[in-house]
Amino acid sequence: MNVRLLGPARVDLLDAADYYGLDSAATNDRFLDAFGRLLVRLQLLPQSGWRPQSVPRGRQVRETLVPGFPYRVVYELIDAEIVIVAITHARARKQPWRERLP
């Protein structure tokens, strides 16, 4: 399966990486490596995430965590594509994925 990051999700990823980069370049690299490994896992097991609450009927929306980091990745399965919709801190109150669904 192909993976595509929506523009706002790409910004989310860069913001999280920048945040970890404030700690150290090594932490930034670990975060990006963990995200890369997550993408590989999703390509192999696209249904591995759980369904968030209040998913619109008929949508294949899933979420999972970046291994070792408190970041939630919300994605939608559309045909043969994994569309990354949002990447947010797991404890963030605002979860923008609903507004971002394509």
Protein backbone atom coordinates (compact mmCIF):
# COMPACT_ATOMS: atom_id res chain seq x y z
CA MET A 1 0.00 0.00 0.00
CA ASN A 2 1.10 3.53 -0.72
CA VAL A 3 1.35 6.07 2.10
CA ARG A 4 0.42 9.72 1.64
CA LEU A 5 0.64 12.49 4.22
CA LEU A 6 -1.89 15.28 3.90
CA GLY A 7 -0.27 18.72 3.97
CA PRO A 8 -1.44 19.51 7.53
CA ALA A 9 -0.17 16.11 8.73
CA ARG A 10 3.23 16.88 7.22
CA VAL A 11 3.25 20.13 9.21
CA ASP A 12 2.27 18.15 12.35
CA LEU A 13 5.21 15.80 11.78
CA LEU A 14 7.69 18.64 11.27
CA ASP A 15 6.39 20.47 14.36
CA ALA A 16 6.81 17.34 16.51
CA ALA A 17 10.30 16.71 15.12
CA ASP A 18 11.25 20.35 15.77
CA TYR A 19 10.00 20.02 19.34
CA TYR A 20 12.17 16.96 19.92
CA GLY A 21 15.05 18.72 18.18
CA LEU A 22 14.98 21.32 20.94
CA ASP A 23 15.96 18.52 23.32
CA SER A 24 18.67 17.10 21.08
CA ALA A 25 19.35 16.12 17.50
CA ALA A 26 19.50 12.50 18.63
CA THR A 27 15.97 12.67 20.06
CA ASN A 28 14.77 14.27 16.83
CA ASP A 29 16.37 11.42 14.85
CA ARG A 30 14.84 8.78 17.15
CA PHE A 31 11.39 10.29 16.66
CA LEU A 32 11.70 10.37 12.87
CA ASP A 33 13.10 6.81 12.83
CA ALA A 34 10.19 5.60 14.97
CA PHE A 35 7.74 7.33 12.62
CA GLY A 36 9.43 5.68 9.62
CA ARG A 37 9.17 2.25 11.25
CA LEU A 38 5.50 2.93 11.96
CA LEU A 39 4.89 3.66 8.27
CA VAL A 40 6.52 0.35 7.30
CA ARG A 41 4.31 -1.47 9.82
CA LEU A 42 1.20 0.23 8.47
CA GLN A 43 2.10 -0.79 4.93
CA LEU A 44 2.35 -4.41 6.07
CA LEU A 45 -0.60 -4.32 8.49
CA PRO A 46 -2.86 -1.41 7.52
CA GLN A 47 -5.68 -2.55 9.81
CA SER A 48 -3.38 -2.66 12.86
CA GLY A 49 -4.59 0.64 14.28
CA TRP A 50 -7.76 0.95 16.32
CA ARG A 51 -10.90 2.83 15.32
CA PRO A 52 -11.24 6.19 17.08
CA GLN A 53 -14.56 7.18 18.62
CA SER A 54 -17.14 8.86 16.42
CA VAL A 55 -15.79 7.72 13.06
CA PRO A 56 -18.16 8.76 10.28
CA ARG A 57 -20.15 5.85 8.89
CA GLY A 58 -18.45 4.09 5.99
CA ARG A 59 -14.99 5.59 6.65
CA GLN A 60 -11.97 3.36 7.36
CA VAL A 61 -10.30 5.67 9.87
CA ARG A 62 -7.72 4.20 12.25
CA GLU A 63 -5.27 5.54 14.80
CA THR A 64 -2.08 4.29 16.36
CA LEU A 65 0.85 5.61 18.38
CA VAL A 66 4.39 6.38 17.28
CA PRO A 67 6.42 3.69 19.11
CA GLY A 68 8.26 5.14 22.11
CA PHE A 69 6.69 8.59 21.77
CA PRO A 70 3.38 10.06 22.96
CA TYR A 71 2.17 10.94 19.48
CA ARG A 72 -1.03 9.72 17.88
CA VAL A 73 -1.23 9.11 14.13
CA VAL A 74 -4.70 9.14 12.58
CA TYR A 75 -4.98 7.66 9.11
CA GLU A 76 -7.64 6.59 6.67
CA LEU A 77 -7.56 3.61 4.36
CA ILE A 78 -8.77 4.69 0.93
CA ASP A 79 -8.59 2.03 -1.77
CA ALA A 80 -4.92 0.94 -1.88
CA GLU A 81 -3.64 3.99 -0.01
CA ILE A 82 -2.94 4.90 3.61
CA VAL A 83 -3.68 8.60 4.03
CA ILE A 84 -2.09 10.13 7.14
CA VAL A 85 -4.59 12.73 8.31
CA ALA A 86 -3.09 14.03 11.59
CA ILE A 87 -0.16 13.55 13.95
CA THR A 88 -0.85 15.00 17.39
CA HIS A 89 0.33 14.62 20.95
CA ALA A 90 -1.62 11.78 22.54
CA ARG A 91 -2.87 14.02 25.36
CA ALA A 92 -3.83 16.97 23.19
CA ARG A 93 -7.42 18.02 23.72
CA LYS A 94 -7.79 19.23 20.16
CA GLN A 95 -7.80 16.36 17.69
CA PRO A 96 -8.13 17.93 14.22
CA TRP A 97 -8.49 14.73 12.22
CA ARG A 98 -12.27 14.99 11.74
CA GLU A 99 -11.96 18.34 9.94
CA ARG A 100 -9.11 17.02 7.81
CA LEU A 101 -10.74 13.92 6.37
CA PRO A 102 -10.47 14.07 2.56
